[in-house]
Amino acid sequence: MAKEPVKILFVCTGNTCRSAMAAAMMADIAEKNDLNVLVDSAGVFAGIGEKATPEAVRAMEKRGIDLSGHRTKPLTDELIDMADIILVMTSAHKLLIDAMAQGKAHTLLEYAGSEGDISDPYGGDDEEYEETAREIYDALVDIAEKLPVEE
């Protein structure tokens, strides 16, 4: 019998760049490595249905990932309940949701075995988005090694 996939929720502020890029890259890593995961993303102050920033879309295009269909959504109790692991971009996000997250929230870098925050590229140029995408990707590679492979 197949095991249930690990459900990972990525969370940032507006869900237009960091968490959207993290979820898209993790889905790509999971597919290429047969990892048994489901990914989603949300923002602590996100609107509903906004597109990813053009810079985030371009940063993902360079990696062969299409982010053009991404639409923002706010973090809800339902999303928190559904998740096995909640990976936030900053310690401030973790503080904000810790009480609701039932011990499931970790910063992305902390979960990857590092420390610090993923800085917000919002309002920055393509280079800043590239730097953020690289930082997220490097952490995700470390995290992927801890995840179960599909049976």
Protein backbone atom coordinates (compact mmCIF):
# COMPACT_ATOMS: atom_id res chain seq x y z
CA MET A 1 0.00 0.00 0.00
CA ALA A 2 1.39 3.41 -0.97
CA LYS A 3 2.24 5.76 1.85
CA GLU A 4 0.56 9.13 2.16
CA PRO A 5 2.67 11.94 0.68
CA VAL A 6 4.31 14.45 3.01
CA LYS A 7 2.35 17.69 2.69
CA ILE A 8 4.62 20.76 2.73
CA LEU A 9 3.21 24.27 2.93
CA PHE A 10 5.52 27.18 2.06
CA VAL A 11 4.63 30.52 3.64
CA CYS A 12 5.85 34.08 3.07
CA THR A 13 4.25 37.50 3.30
CA GLY A 14 2.32 38.10 0.08
CA ASN A 15 2.65 34.72 -1.71
CA THR A 16 3.81 36.53 -4.88
CA CYS A 17 7.47 35.50 -4.82
CA ARG A 18 9.30 33.53 -2.12
CA SER A 19 6.72 30.91 -1.12
CA ALA A 20 5.48 30.59 -4.70
CA MET A 21 9.03 30.04 -6.01
CA ALA A 22 9.81 27.61 -3.17
CA ALA A 23 6.70 25.52 -3.84
CA ALA A 24 7.35 25.47 -7.59
CA MET A 25 11.00 24.48 -7.16
CA MET A 26 10.17 21.82 -4.56
CA ALA A 27 7.51 20.35 -6.86
CA ASP A 28 10.14 20.24 -9.62
CA ILE A 29 12.75 18.62 -7.35
CA ALA A 30 10.16 16.12 -6.10
CA GLU A 31 9.13 15.15 -9.62
CA LYS A 32 12.72 14.68 -10.79
CA ASN A 33 13.66 12.62 -7.71
CA ASP A 34 10.43 10.65 -7.18
CA LEU A 35 9.81 12.23 -3.79
CA ASN A 36 6.48 11.47 -2.16
CA VAL A 37 5.41 15.04 -1.39
CA LEU A 38 2.59 17.45 -2.08
CA VAL A 39 3.40 21.15 -1.99
CA ASP A 40 1.35 24.29 -1.59
CA SER A 41 2.03 27.91 -0.73
CA ALA A 42 0.32 30.83 0.98
CA GLY A 43 1.04 34.24 2.46
CA VAL A 44 0.38 35.63 5.91
CA PHE A 45 -0.83 38.90 4.34
CA ALA A 46 -1.68 37.62 0.86
CA GLY A 47 -4.59 38.70 -1.23
CA ILE A 48 -6.63 36.20 -3.20
CA GLY A 49 -5.87 35.47 -6.84
CA GLU A 50 -2.98 37.82 -7.54
CA LYS A 51 -0.26 36.70 -9.94
CA ALA A 52 3.34 36.01 -9.02
CA THR A 53 5.59 39.00 -9.67
CA PRO A 54 7.01 39.18 -13.21
CA GLU A 55 10.51 38.90 -11.71
CA ALA A 56 9.58 35.66 -9.90
CA VAL A 57 8.09 34.26 -13.12
CA ARG A 58 11.32 35.10 -14.99
CA ALA A 59 13.53 33.60 -12.26
CA MET A 60 11.56 30.35 -12.51
CA GLU A 61 11.57 30.38 -16.34
CA LYS A 62 15.38 30.27 -16.17
CA ARG A 63 14.97 26.98 -14.29
CA GLY A 64 12.44 25.57 -16.73
CA ILE A 65 9.56 26.08 -14.29
CA ASP A 66 6.34 27.83 -15.31
CA LEU A 67 5.06 30.08 -12.51
CA SER A 68 2.73 32.09 -14.75
CA GLY A 69 -0.35 30.21 -13.52
CA HIS A 70 0.35 30.87 -9.83
CA ARG A 71 -2.35 32.75 -7.93
CA THR A 72 -1.91 34.02 -4.39
CA LYS A 73 -3.84 32.81 -1.41
CA PRO A 74 -3.89 33.79 2.24
CA LEU A 75 -2.80 31.40 4.97
CA THR A 76 -5.85 29.71 6.51
CA ASP A 77 -6.48 27.31 9.38
CA GLU A 78 -7.45 24.72 6.77
CA LEU A 79 -4.07 25.01 5.01
CA ILE A 80 -2.27 24.77 8.35
CA ASP A 81 -4.27 21.68 9.36
CA MET A 82 -3.61 20.00 6.00
CA ALA A 83 0.17 20.49 6.19
CA ASP A 84 2.62 18.06 7.76
CA ILE A 85 5.45 20.60 7.54
CA ILE A 86 5.15 24.38 7.27
CA LEU A 87 8.25 26.12 5.93
CA VAL A 88 8.29 29.88 6.40
CA MET A 89 10.77 32.32 4.94
CA THR A 90 11.63 34.32 8.08
CA SER A 91 11.66 33.98 11.86
CA ALA A 92 9.05 36.78 11.92
CA HIS A 93 6.68 34.60 9.85
CA LYS A 94 7.32 31.72 12.27
CA LEU A 95 6.49 33.91 15.29
CA LEU A 96 3.34 35.10 13.57
CA ILE A 97 1.93 31.64 12.91
CA ASP A 98 3.57 29.54 15.64
CA ALA A 99 0.52 29.36 17.92
CA MET A 100 -1.72 28.22 15.05
CA ALA A 101 0.87 25.94 13.47
CA GLN A 102 0.86 23.31 16.24
CA GLY A 103 4.64 22.93 16.18
CA LYS A 104 4.78 22.31 12.42
CA ALA A 105 6.37 25.65 11.46
CA HIS A 106 10.09 25.97 10.74
CA THR A 107 12.04 28.55 8.85
CA LEU A 108 13.19 27.19 5.50
CA LEU A 109 16.86 27.61 6.38
CA GLU A 110 16.43 26.11 9.86
CA TYR A 111 14.74 23.02 8.38
CA ALA A 112 17.57 22.74 5.85
CA GLY A 113 20.07 22.66 8.74
CA SER A 114 21.19 26.27 8.43
CA GLU A 115 20.05 29.55 9.97
CA GLY A 116 18.83 32.98 8.98
CA ASP A 117 16.00 34.33 6.87
CA ILE A 118 15.25 34.30 3.16
CA SER A 119 15.19 38.00 2.27
CA ASP A 120 12.20 39.41 0.44
CA PRO A 121 13.05 40.40 -3.15
CA TYR A 122 9.67 42.15 -3.63
CA GLY A 123 10.26 45.47 -5.36
CA GLY A 124 13.78 44.43 -6.32
CA ASP A 125 15.29 43.72 -9.72
CA ASP A 126 15.80 40.43 -11.55
CA GLU A 127 19.20 39.98 -9.93
CA GLU A 128 17.71 40.15 -6.42
CA TYR A 129 15.07 37.58 -7.40
CA GLU A 130 17.79 35.34 -8.84
CA GLU A 131 19.74 35.55 -5.60
CA THR A 132 16.63 34.71 -3.56
CA ALA A 133 15.73 31.82 -5.89
CA ARG A 134 19.27 30.40 -5.57
CA GLU A 135 19.14 30.66 -1.77
CA ILE A 136 15.77 28.91 -1.66
CA TYR A 137 16.87 26.23 -4.13
CA ASP A 138 20.03 25.42 -2.17
CA ALA A 139 17.96 24.97 1.01
CA LEU A 140 15.40 22.82 -0.84
CA VAL A 141 18.12 20.47 -2.09
CA ASP A 142 19.15 19.85 1.53
CA ILE A 143 15.51 19.42 2.59
CA ALA A 144 14.79 17.01 -0.28
CA GLU A 145 17.37 14.60 1.13
CA LYS A 146 15.19 14.25 4.25
CA LEU A 147 11.98 13.47 2.36
CA PRO A 148 10.57 10.05 1.51
CA VAL A 149 10.88 8.61 -1.99
CA GLU A 150 7.73 7.26 -3.67
CA GLU A 151 7.32 3.50 -3.35
